[in-house]
Amino acid sequence: MKAKKIEYKEKFVPELYKEVIAFANTEGGVIYIGVDDKGNPMGLENVDDTYTRITNGIRDAILPDVTMFVKYTLEEGKIIRIEVSEGSYKPYYLKGKGLRPSGVYVRQGASSVPASPEQIRQMIKTTDGDEFEIFPSVEQELTFEYAKGIFEKNGIDFSEAKYFQLGLKNPESKLYTNLGLIVSDQCSH
């Protein structure tokens, strides 16, 4: 396997999630926990605890659910091998950071780097097809003061509960859609 598809970690570190995301968003790869940067096996002291932290963290810290694309193997009784396949529901991102470059990662050479807004848009388009309005918006800090004023002037409720019915927010992911961005105060058009 090429070096760009392999990552070594001497021990569990939270950056591991970025590596999983980057591999799932690109062409997949393998992460070894308990191996130093040069590929020398170091082993893990508490394999069971580390394994539990890794599997729970990958399940809880990454959206959408990437677990079906991740396979775990214990090697030599002291090294955890994590094989990550390219995912089908890109972009994968850190739950706490959202669909922005600080939360979405891709592989460039042998490194995991933040995805550009253009890369994020392309992943969304490739995954979801051509229904632009329902795609998650890259910008998630949206306000709707102007639209709210117009709705109120016409006697129409424009509360946050209506965002889902109007398609401004996705009811499953709770993320603003591109339609939400178009209607928002942040729309540059």
N, C-alpha and C. Protein backbone atom coordinates (compact mmCIF):
# COMPACT_ATOMS: atom_id res chain seq x y z
N MET A 1 0.86 -1.19 0.00
CA MET A 1 0.00 0.00 0.00
C MET A 1 0.90 1.24 0.00
N LYS A 2 0.53 2.24 -0.78
CA LYS A 2 1.33 3.45 -0.88
C LYS A 2 1.34 4.22 0.44
N ALA A 3 2.44 4.96 0.69
CA ALA A 3 2.58 5.73 1.94
C ALA A 3 1.46 6.74 2.12
N LYS A 4 0.92 7.26 1.03
CA LYS A 4 -0.15 8.24 1.17
C LYS A 4 -1.44 7.63 1.71
N LYS A 5 -1.52 6.30 1.69
CA LYS A 5 -2.71 5.62 2.19
C LYS A 5 -2.47 4.95 3.54
N ILE A 6 -1.35 5.28 4.19
CA ILE A 6 -1.03 4.69 5.50
C ILE A 6 -0.71 5.81 6.48
N GLU A 7 -1.22 5.67 7.68
CA GLU A 7 -0.95 6.64 8.75
C GLU A 7 -0.55 5.86 10.00
N TYR A 8 0.51 6.31 10.68
CA TYR A 8 0.98 5.66 11.90
C TYR A 8 0.75 6.58 13.10
N LYS A 9 0.27 6.00 14.17
CA LYS A 9 0.10 6.73 15.44
C LYS A 9 0.67 5.85 16.55
N GLU A 10 1.56 6.42 17.35
CA GLU A 10 2.15 5.65 18.44
C GLU A 10 1.12 5.27 19.50
N LYS A 11 0.15 6.18 19.70
CA LYS A 11 -0.90 5.95 20.69
C LYS A 11 -2.16 6.65 20.20
N PHE A 12 -3.25 6.44 20.92
CA PHE A 12 -4.49 7.12 20.56
C PHE A 12 -4.36 8.62 20.79
N VAL A 13 -4.72 9.41 19.78
CA VAL A 13 -4.82 10.87 19.89
C VAL A 13 -6.09 11.29 19.16
N PRO A 14 -6.77 12.34 19.62
CA PRO A 14 -8.01 12.75 18.97
C PRO A 14 -7.86 13.09 17.49
N GLU A 15 -6.64 13.45 17.02
CA GLU A 15 -6.44 13.74 15.59
C GLU A 15 -6.74 12.52 14.72
N LEU A 16 -6.83 11.36 15.36
CA LEU A 16 -7.15 10.13 14.65
C LEU A 16 -8.45 10.30 13.85
N TYR A 17 -9.41 11.03 14.41
CA TYR A 17 -10.69 11.21 13.73
C TYR A 17 -10.51 11.97 12.42
N LYS A 18 -9.59 12.94 12.40
CA LYS A 18 -9.31 13.68 11.16
C LYS A 18 -8.79 12.73 10.09
N GLU A 19 -7.95 11.78 10.50
CA GLU A 19 -7.39 10.82 9.54
C GLU A 19 -8.50 9.93 8.98
N VAL A 20 -9.39 9.46 9.84
CA VAL A 20 -10.50 8.62 9.39
C VAL A 20 -11.35 9.39 8.39
N ILE A 21 -11.66 10.64 8.73
CA ILE A 21 -12.46 11.49 7.84
C ILE A 21 -11.76 11.68 6.50
N ALA A 22 -10.47 12.00 6.54
CA ALA A 22 -9.72 12.23 5.30
C ALA A 22 -9.72 11.00 4.40
N PHE A 23 -9.49 9.82 5.00
CA PHE A 23 -9.50 8.59 4.20
C PHE A 23 -10.90 8.32 3.64
N ALA A 24 -11.94 8.50 4.45
CA ALA A 24 -13.31 8.26 3.99
C ALA A 24 -13.72 9.24 2.89
N ASN A 25 -13.19 10.46 2.94
CA ASN A 25 -13.52 11.47 1.93
C ASN A 25 -12.70 11.34 0.66
N THR A 26 -11.63 10.54 0.68
CA THR A 26 -10.81 10.39 -0.53
C THR A 26 -10.83 8.93 -0.97
N GLU A 27 -9.69 8.26 -0.98
CA GLU A 27 -9.63 6.92 -1.55
C GLU A 27 -9.43 5.82 -0.52
N GLY A 28 -9.69 6.11 0.76
CA GLY A 28 -9.50 5.12 1.80
C GLY A 28 -8.05 5.01 2.22
N GLY A 29 -7.80 4.21 3.24
CA GLY A 29 -6.44 4.02 3.73
C GLY A 29 -6.44 3.23 5.02
N VAL A 30 -5.24 3.07 5.60
CA VAL A 30 -5.07 2.27 6.81
C VAL A 30 -4.35 3.09 7.87
N ILE A 31 -4.84 3.00 9.09
CA ILE A 31 -4.22 3.67 10.24
C ILE A 31 -3.76 2.59 11.20
N TYR A 32 -2.51 2.69 11.63
CA TYR A 32 -1.98 1.76 12.62
C TYR A 32 -1.78 2.51 13.93
N ILE A 33 -2.38 2.02 15.01
CA ILE A 33 -2.21 2.61 16.33
C ILE A 33 -1.28 1.67 17.11
N GLY A 34 -0.17 2.23 17.62
CA GLY A 34 0.83 1.42 18.30
C GLY A 34 2.08 1.26 17.45
N VAL A 35 2.21 2.13 16.42
CA VAL A 35 3.35 2.09 15.51
C VAL A 35 3.90 3.51 15.40
N ASP A 36 5.24 3.67 15.49
CA ASP A 36 5.81 5.02 15.43
C ASP A 36 5.83 5.55 13.99
N ASP A 37 6.22 6.81 13.83
CA ASP A 37 6.19 7.49 12.52
C ASP A 37 7.02 6.79 11.45
N LYS A 38 8.00 6.00 11.87
CA LYS A 38 8.87 5.31 10.91
C LYS A 38 8.34 3.92 10.56
N GLY A 39 7.23 3.52 11.18
CA GLY A 39 6.64 2.22 10.90
C GLY A 39 7.11 1.11 11.83
N ASN A 40 7.81 1.48 12.91
CA ASN A 40 8.28 0.49 13.88
C ASN A 40 7.18 0.16 14.88
N PRO A 41 6.88 -1.14 15.08
CA PRO A 41 5.85 -1.51 16.05
C PRO A 41 6.29 -1.16 17.48
N MET A 42 5.46 -0.42 18.19
CA MET A 42 5.74 -0.03 19.58
C MET A 42 4.77 -0.76 20.53
N GLY A 43 3.60 -1.07 20.03
CA GLY A 43 2.58 -1.71 20.85
C GLY A 43 1.85 -0.72 21.73
N LEU A 44 0.72 -1.16 22.23
CA LEU A 44 -0.09 -0.34 23.12
C LEU A 44 -0.14 -0.99 24.49
N GLU A 45 -0.13 -0.17 25.54
CA GLU A 45 -0.17 -0.72 26.90
C GLU A 45 -1.54 -1.30 27.21
N ASN A 46 -2.60 -0.54 26.99
CA ASN A 46 -3.94 -1.00 27.32
C ASN A 46 -4.76 -1.08 26.02
N VAL A 47 -4.62 -2.18 25.32
CA VAL A 47 -5.25 -2.35 24.01
C VAL A 47 -6.77 -2.27 24.11
N ASP A 48 -7.36 -2.94 25.09
CA ASP A 48 -8.82 -2.96 25.21
C ASP A 48 -9.40 -1.56 25.41
N ASP A 49 -8.80 -0.79 26.31
CA ASP A 49 -9.26 0.57 26.57
C ASP A 49 -9.10 1.44 25.33
N THR A 50 -7.96 1.34 24.67
CA THR A 50 -7.71 2.13 23.47
C THR A 50 -8.69 1.76 22.36
N TYR A 51 -8.92 0.46 22.19
CA TYR A 51 -9.85 -0.02 21.17
C TYR A 51 -11.25 0.55 21.41
N THR A 52 -11.70 0.51 22.66
CA THR A 52 -13.02 1.04 23.01
C THR A 52 -13.10 2.53 22.75
N ARG A 53 -12.07 3.29 23.14
CA ARG A 53 -12.06 4.74 22.90
C ARG A 53 -12.12 5.05 21.41
N ILE A 54 -11.38 4.30 20.62
CA ILE A 54 -11.34 4.53 19.17
C ILE A 54 -12.70 4.22 18.54
N THR A 55 -13.25 3.05 18.82
CA THR A 55 -14.51 2.68 18.17
C THR A 55 -15.66 3.59 18.60
N ASN A 56 -15.72 3.93 19.89
CA ASN A 56 -16.77 4.85 20.36
C ASN A 56 -16.57 6.24 19.78
N GLY A 57 -15.33 6.70 19.72
CA GLY A 57 -15.04 8.04 19.20
C GLY A 57 -15.39 8.17 17.74
N ILE A 58 -15.02 7.18 16.94
CA ILE A 58 -15.32 7.23 15.51
C ILE A 58 -16.83 7.24 15.30
N ARG A 59 -17.54 6.47 16.09
CA ARG A 59 -19.01 6.44 15.98
C ARG A 59 -19.63 7.78 16.40
N ASP A 60 -19.10 8.40 17.47
CA ASP A 60 -19.73 9.59 18.05
C ASP A 60 -19.23 10.92 17.50
N ALA A 61 -17.99 10.99 17.00
CA ALA A 61 -17.39 12.27 16.62
C ALA A 61 -17.53 12.60 15.14
N ILE A 62 -17.93 11.63 14.31
CA ILE A 62 -17.93 11.83 12.86
C ILE A 62 -19.35 11.70 12.31
N LEU A 63 -19.72 12.64 11.45
CA LEU A 63 -21.00 12.60 10.73
C LEU A 63 -20.74 12.69 9.24
N PRO A 64 -21.59 12.14 8.38
CA PRO A 64 -22.58 11.13 8.72
C PRO A 64 -21.88 9.87 9.22
N ASP A 65 -22.66 8.89 9.66
CA ASP A 65 -22.11 7.68 10.25
C ASP A 65 -21.15 6.99 9.28
N VAL A 66 -19.90 6.86 9.71
CA VAL A 66 -18.85 6.29 8.86
C VAL A 66 -18.53 4.84 9.25
N THR A 67 -19.14 4.34 10.32
CA THR A 67 -18.74 3.05 10.88
C THR A 67 -18.83 1.89 9.89
N MET A 68 -19.74 1.93 8.93
CA MET A 68 -19.85 0.82 7.97
C MET A 68 -18.66 0.78 7.01
N PHE A 69 -17.86 1.84 6.99
CA PHE A 69 -16.69 1.89 6.10
C PHE A 69 -15.38 1.70 6.86
N VAL A 70 -15.48 1.33 8.14
CA VAL A 70 -14.30 1.18 9.00
C VAL A 70 -14.23 -0.26 9.51
N LYS A 71 -13.05 -0.87 9.36
CA LYS A 71 -12.83 -2.24 9.82
C LYS A 71 -11.63 -2.24 10.78
N TYR A 72 -11.79 -2.89 11.93
CA TYR A 72 -10.74 -2.94 12.95
C TYR A 72 -10.14 -4.33 13.02
N THR A 73 -8.81 -4.39 13.17
CA THR A 73 -8.11 -5.65 13.33
C THR A 73 -7.05 -5.47 14.41
N LEU A 74 -6.86 -6.47 15.23
CA LEU A 74 -5.80 -6.45 16.23
C LEU A 74 -4.64 -7.26 15.68
N GLU A 75 -3.47 -6.64 15.57
CA GLU A 75 -2.30 -7.31 15.04
C GLU A 75 -1.27 -7.51 16.15
N GLU A 76 -0.71 -8.69 16.20
CA GLU A 76 0.33 -9.03 17.18
C GLU A 76 -0.14 -8.81 18.62
N GLY A 77 -1.45 -8.72 18.82
CA GLY A 77 -1.99 -8.55 20.16
C GLY A 77 -1.76 -7.20 20.80
N LYS A 78 -1.11 -6.28 20.06
CA LYS A 78 -0.79 -4.98 20.67
C LYS A 78 -0.86 -3.80 19.71
N ILE A 79 -1.26 -4.04 18.48
CA ILE A 79 -1.37 -2.98 17.48
C ILE A 79 -2.78 -3.01 16.90
N ILE A 80 -3.43 -1.85 16.84
CA ILE A 80 -4.77 -1.78 16.26
C ILE A 80 -4.63 -1.26 14.83
N ARG A 81 -5.17 -2.04 13.89
CA ARG A 81 -5.18 -1.67 12.48
C ARG A 81 -6.59 -1.22 12.14
N ILE A 82 -6.70 0.00 11.62
CA ILE A 82 -8.00 0.55 11.24
C ILE A 82 -8.00 0.75 9.73
N GLU A 83 -8.80 -0.04 9.05
CA GLU A 83 -8.90 0.09 7.61
C GLU A 83 -10.14 0.91 7.28
N VAL A 84 -9.93 2.02 6.59
CA VAL A 84 -11.02 2.93 6.24
C VAL A 84 -11.22 2.88 4.73
N SER A 85 -12.42 2.52 4.30
CA SER A 85 -12.76 2.52 2.88
C SER A 85 -13.30 3.90 2.50
N GLU A 86 -13.24 4.21 1.23
CA GLU A 86 -13.85 5.45 0.77
C GLU A 86 -15.35 5.37 1.04
N GLY A 87 -15.90 6.40 1.64
CA GLY A 87 -17.31 6.40 2.02
C GLY A 87 -18.24 6.78 0.88
N SER A 88 -19.51 6.47 1.06
CA SER A 88 -20.53 6.77 0.04
C SER A 88 -21.33 8.03 0.34
N TYR A 89 -21.20 8.57 1.55
CA TYR A 89 -22.05 9.70 1.96
C TYR A 89 -21.23 10.95 2.26
N LYS A 90 -20.28 11.23 1.39
CA LYS A 90 -19.38 12.37 1.60
C LYS A 90 -20.12 13.69 1.49
N PRO A 91 -19.63 14.71 2.16
CA PRO A 91 -18.41 14.75 2.96
C PRO A 91 -18.64 14.28 4.40
N TYR A 92 -17.65 13.57 4.92
CA TYR A 92 -17.63 13.21 6.34
C TYR A 92 -16.97 14.36 7.06
N TYR A 93 -17.40 14.61 8.30
CA TYR A 93 -16.86 15.77 9.02
C TYR A 93 -16.94 15.55 10.52
N LEU A 94 -16.16 16.36 11.25
CA LEU A 94 -16.20 16.32 12.71
C LEU A 94 -17.51 16.92 13.18
N LYS A 95 -18.24 16.17 13.97
CA LYS A 95 -19.55 16.60 14.46
C LYS A 95 -19.47 17.97 15.14
N GLY A 96 -18.43 18.19 15.93
CA GLY A 96 -18.28 19.45 16.67
C GLY A 96 -17.88 20.64 15.81
N LYS A 97 -17.42 20.41 14.58
CA LYS A 97 -16.96 21.50 13.70
C LYS A 97 -17.91 21.78 12.54
N GLY A 98 -18.67 20.79 12.12
CA GLY A 98 -19.63 21.01 11.05
C GLY A 98 -19.03 20.92 9.66
N LEU A 99 -19.87 21.26 8.68
CA LEU A 99 -19.49 21.18 7.27
C LEU A 99 -18.74 22.42 6.83
N ARG A 100 -17.59 22.61 7.37
CA ARG A 100 -16.73 23.73 6.99
C ARG A 100 -15.31 23.20 6.94
N PRO A 101 -14.38 23.94 6.36
CA PRO A 101 -13.01 23.43 6.25
C PRO A 101 -12.39 22.98 7.58
N SER A 102 -12.77 23.56 8.69
CA SER A 102 -12.19 23.13 9.97
C SER A 102 -12.75 21.80 10.44
N GLY A 103 -13.76 21.27 9.77
CA GLY A 103 -14.36 20.00 10.16
C GLY A 103 -14.27 18.91 9.11
N VAL A 104 -13.98 19.28 7.85
CA VAL A 104 -13.91 18.33 6.75
C VAL A 104 -12.45 18.19 6.31
N TYR A 105 -11.99 16.95 6.20
CA TYR A 105 -10.59 16.69 5.83
C TYR A 105 -10.50 15.78 4.63
N VAL A 106 -9.42 15.96 3.85
CA VAL A 106 -9.11 15.11 2.70
C VAL A 106 -7.63 14.76 2.77
N ARG A 107 -7.24 13.73 2.01
CA ARG A 107 -5.83 13.37 1.93
C ARG A 107 -5.20 14.12 0.77
N GLN A 108 -4.04 14.70 1.04
CA GLN A 108 -3.19 15.29 0.00
C GLN A 108 -1.82 14.70 0.21
N GLY A 109 -1.41 13.85 -0.69
CA GLY A 109 -0.16 13.13 -0.50
C GLY A 109 -0.26 12.26 0.73
N ALA A 110 0.69 12.43 1.66
CA ALA A 110 0.71 11.62 2.88
C ALA A 110 0.13 12.36 4.08
N SER A 111 -0.59 13.46 3.83
CA SER A 111 -1.14 14.27 4.92
C SER A 111 -2.65 14.41 4.82
N SER A 112 -3.27 14.61 5.99
CA SER A 112 -4.70 14.93 6.05
C SER A 112 -4.80 16.44 6.25
N VAL A 113 -5.52 17.10 5.35
CA VAL A 113 -5.61 18.56 5.38
C VAL A 113 -7.07 19.00 5.31
N PRO A 114 -7.37 20.22 5.81
CA PRO A 114 -8.75 20.71 5.69
C PRO A 114 -9.16 20.82 4.22
N ALA A 115 -10.38 20.43 3.93
CA ALA A 115 -10.91 20.53 2.57
C ALA A 115 -11.26 21.99 2.29
N SER A 116 -11.10 22.39 1.05
CA SER A 116 -11.50 23.74 0.65
C SER A 116 -13.02 23.78 0.52
N PRO A 117 -13.62 24.97 0.58
CA PRO A 117 -15.07 25.07 0.36
C PRO A 117 -15.49 24.46 -0.99
N GLU A 118 -14.63 24.61 -2.01
CA GLU A 118 -14.94 24.05 -3.33
C GLU A 118 -14.94 22.52 -3.28
N GLN A 119 -13.98 21.94 -2.56
CA GLN A 119 -13.94 20.48 -2.42
C GLN A 119 -15.18 19.97 -1.68
N ILE A 120 -15.58 20.70 -0.65
CA ILE A 120 -16.76 20.31 0.12
C ILE A 120 -18.00 20.34 -0.78
N ARG A 121 -18.15 21.42 -1.54
CA ARG A 121 -19.29 21.53 -2.46
C ARG A 121 -19.29 20.39 -3.48
N GLN A 122 -18.12 20.08 -4.01
CA GLN A 122 -18.02 19.02 -5.00
C GLN A 122 -18.40 17.66 -4.41
N MET A 123 -17.95 17.39 -3.17
CA MET A 123 -18.32 16.12 -2.52
C MET A 123 -19.83 16.03 -2.32
N ILE A 124 -20.43 17.14 -1.89
CA ILE A 124 -21.88 17.16 -1.68
C ILE A 124 -22.59 16.91 -3.01
N LYS A 125 -22.15 17.59 -4.05
CA LYS A 125 -22.79 17.44 -5.35
C LYS A 125 -22.65 16.02 -5.87
N THR A 126 -21.48 15.44 -5.72
CA THR A 126 -21.23 14.08 -6.19
C THR A 126 -22.09 13.08 -5.42
N THR A 127 -22.20 13.28 -4.13
CA THR A 127 -22.95 12.36 -3.29
C THR A 127 -24.45 12.50 -3.49
N ASP A 128 -24.95 13.72 -3.51
CA ASP A 128 -26.39 13.95 -3.51
C ASP A 128 -27.02 14.12 -4.89
N GLY A 129 -26.24 14.29 -5.93
CA GLY A 129 -26.82 14.52 -7.24
C GLY A 129 -26.96 16.00 -7.52
N ASP A 130 -27.98 16.38 -8.25
CA ASP A 130 -28.08 17.76 -8.72
C ASP A 130 -29.18 18.59 -8.08
N GLU A 131 -29.69 18.20 -6.94
CA GLU A 131 -30.72 18.99 -6.27
C GLU A 131 -30.05 20.00 -5.33
N PHE A 132 -29.51 21.04 -5.91
CA PHE A 132 -28.70 22.02 -5.19
C PHE A 132 -29.37 22.57 -3.93
N GLU A 133 -30.64 22.89 -4.01
CA GLU A 133 -31.33 23.55 -2.91
C GLU A 133 -31.36 22.72 -1.63
N ILE A 134 -31.39 21.39 -1.75
CA ILE A 134 -31.49 20.56 -0.55
C ILE A 134 -30.12 20.16 0.01
N PHE A 135 -29.03 20.47 -0.70
CA PHE A 135 -27.69 20.16 -0.19
C PHE A 135 -27.44 20.95 1.08
N PRO A 136 -26.66 20.40 2.00
CA PRO A 136 -26.26 21.20 3.18
C PRO A 136 -25.42 22.39 2.73
N SER A 137 -25.68 23.52 3.29
CA SER A 137 -24.92 24.73 2.98
C SER A 137 -23.55 24.65 3.65
N VAL A 138 -22.53 25.11 2.97
CA VAL A 138 -21.19 25.16 3.57
C VAL A 138 -21.22 26.16 4.72
N GLU A 139 -21.98 27.23 4.57
CA GLU A 139 -22.14 28.25 5.63
C GLU A 139 -23.29 27.84 6.52
N GLN A 140 -23.04 27.68 7.81
CA GLN A 140 -24.08 27.25 8.75
C GLN A 140 -24.43 28.33 9.77
N GLU A 141 -23.78 29.48 9.72
CA GLU A 141 -24.08 30.60 10.63
C GLU A 141 -25.02 31.54 9.89
N LEU A 142 -26.30 31.21 9.84
CA LEU A 142 -27.26 31.99 9.03
C LEU A 142 -28.29 32.70 9.90
N THR A 143 -28.70 33.87 9.41
CA THR A 143 -29.79 34.62 10.04
C THR A 143 -30.82 34.97 8.95
N PHE A 144 -32.05 35.27 9.38
CA PHE A 144 -33.14 35.48 8.42
C PHE A 144 -33.98 36.72 8.77
N GLU A 145 -33.36 37.78 9.21
CA GLU A 145 -34.10 38.97 9.63
C GLU A 145 -34.89 39.58 8.47
N TYR A 146 -34.30 39.70 7.30
CA TYR A 146 -34.99 40.29 6.15
C TYR A 146 -36.20 39.45 5.75
N ALA A 147 -36.00 38.14 5.60
CA ALA A 147 -37.11 37.24 5.23
C ALA A 147 -38.19 37.26 6.29
N LYS A 148 -37.80 37.27 7.55
CA LYS A 148 -38.76 37.30 8.66
C LYS A 148 -39.65 38.54 8.56
N GLY A 149 -39.05 39.68 8.23
CA GLY A 149 -39.81 40.92 8.08
C GLY A 149 -40.85 40.82 6.97
N ILE A 150 -40.46 40.25 5.85
CA ILE A 150 -41.39 40.10 4.72
C ILE A 150 -42.53 39.15 5.10
N PHE A 151 -42.21 38.05 5.73
CA PHE A 151 -43.25 37.09 6.15
C PHE A 151 -44.21 37.76 7.13
N GLU A 152 -43.67 38.46 8.12
CA GLU A 152 -44.51 39.12 9.13
C GLU A 152 -45.41 40.17 8.51
N LYS A 153 -44.89 40.93 7.53
CA LYS A 153 -45.67 41.94 6.83
C LYS A 153 -46.90 41.33 6.15
N ASN A 154 -46.75 40.09 5.74
CA ASN A 154 -47.83 39.39 5.05
C ASN A 154 -48.62 38.46 5.97
N GLY A 155 -48.40 38.58 7.28
CA GLY A 155 -49.14 37.81 8.26
C GLY A 155 -48.84 36.32 8.25
N ILE A 156 -47.61 35.96 7.86
CA ILE A 156 -47.23 34.54 7.78
C ILE A 156 -46.17 34.25 8.86
N ASP A 157 -46.39 33.15 9.58
CA ASP A 157 -45.45 32.74 10.63
C ASP A 157 -44.10 32.37 10.01
N PHE A 158 -43.02 32.87 10.59
CA PHE A 158 -41.67 32.54 10.13
C PHE A 158 -40.80 32.20 11.34
N SER A 159 -41.31 31.33 12.18
CA SER A 159 -40.55 30.90 13.35
C SER A 159 -39.54 29.83 12.95
N GLU A 160 -38.61 29.52 13.84
CA GLU A 160 -37.59 28.49 13.56
C GLU A 160 -38.22 27.14 13.24
N ALA A 161 -39.37 26.86 13.82
CA ALA A 161 -40.06 25.59 13.55
C ALA A 161 -40.42 25.47 12.07
N LYS A 162 -40.64 26.57 11.40
CA LYS A 162 -41.01 26.56 9.98
C LYS A 162 -39.81 26.33 9.05
N TYR A 163 -38.59 26.48 9.55
CA TYR A 163 -37.39 26.33 8.71
C TYR A 163 -37.37 24.96 8.03
N PHE A 164 -37.81 23.92 8.75
CA PHE A 164 -37.81 22.57 8.18
C PHE A 164 -38.87 22.45 7.10
N GLN A 165 -40.07 22.98 7.36
CA GLN A 165 -41.16 22.89 6.39
C GLN A 165 -40.84 23.66 5.11
N LEU A 166 -40.14 24.78 5.26
CA LEU A 166 -39.79 25.59 4.10
C LEU A 166 -38.57 25.07 3.35
N GLY A 167 -37.88 24.09 3.93
CA GLY A 167 -36.69 23.54 3.28
C GLY A 167 -35.42 24.32 3.58
N LEU A 168 -35.47 25.23 4.56
CA LEU A 168 -34.28 26.01 4.91
C LEU A 168 -33.31 25.18 5.75
N LYS A 169 -33.85 24.17 6.43
CA LYS A 169 -33.06 23.26 7.24
C LYS A 169 -33.48 21.84 6.94
N ASN A 170 -32.51 20.92 6.96
CA ASN A 170 -32.79 19.52 6.75
C ASN A 170 -33.29 18.92 8.06
N PRO A 171 -34.47 18.28 8.07
CA PRO A 171 -35.02 17.75 9.32
C PRO A 171 -34.18 16.63 9.94
N GLU A 172 -33.42 15.88 9.13
CA GLU A 172 -32.61 14.79 9.66
C GLU A 172 -31.29 15.29 10.23
N SER A 173 -30.53 16.04 9.44
CA SER A 173 -29.21 16.49 9.88
C SER A 173 -29.26 17.75 10.72
N LYS A 174 -30.39 18.48 10.67
CA LYS A 174 -30.56 19.77 11.36
C LYS A 174 -29.62 20.85 10.81
N LEU A 175 -29.06 20.62 9.63
CA LEU A 175 -28.16 21.59 8.99
C LEU A 175 -28.96 22.48 8.05
N TYR A 176 -28.50 23.74 7.91
CA TYR A 176 -29.10 24.64 6.93
C TYR A 176 -28.80 24.12 5.53
N THR A 177 -29.75 24.28 4.62
CA THR A 177 -29.59 23.86 3.23
C THR A 177 -29.11 25.04 2.39
N ASN A 178 -28.79 24.76 1.12
CA ASN A 178 -28.43 25.84 0.21
C ASN A 178 -29.61 26.78 0.00
N LEU A 179 -30.84 26.26 0.05
CA LEU A 179 -32.01 27.13 -0.03
C LEU A 179 -32.02 28.08 1.16
N GLY A 180 -31.68 27.55 2.34
CA GLY A 180 -31.57 28.41 3.53
C GLY A 180 -30.55 29.51 3.31
N LEU A 181 -29.41 29.18 2.71
CA LEU A 181 -28.38 30.19 2.43
C LEU A 181 -28.91 31.25 1.46
N ILE A 182 -29.65 30.83 0.44
CA ILE A 182 -30.18 31.76 -0.55
C ILE A 182 -31.17 32.74 0.09
N VAL A 183 -31.99 32.26 1.04
CA VAL A 183 -33.00 33.09 1.69
C VAL A 183 -32.38 33.92 2.84
N SER A 184 -31.21 33.53 3.32
CA SER A 184 -30.61 34.16 4.51
C SER A 184 -30.08 35.56 4.26
N ASP A 185 -29.79 36.23 5.36
CA ASP A 185 -29.15 37.56 5.29
C ASP A 185 -27.73 37.46 4.80
N GLN A 186 -27.13 36.26 4.83
CA GLN A 186 -25.73 36.09 4.42
C GLN A 186 -25.56 35.84 2.92
N CYS A 187 -26.66 35.71 2.19
CA CYS A 187 -26.58 35.47 0.75
C CYS A 187 -25.95 36.67 0.06
N SER A 188 -24.92 36.43 -0.74
CA SER A 188 -24.22 37.54 -1.40
C SER A 188 -24.90 37.98 -2.68
N HIS A 189 -25.97 37.32 -3.08
CA HIS A 189 -26.66 37.68 -4.33
C HIS A 189 -27.87 38.50 -4.03
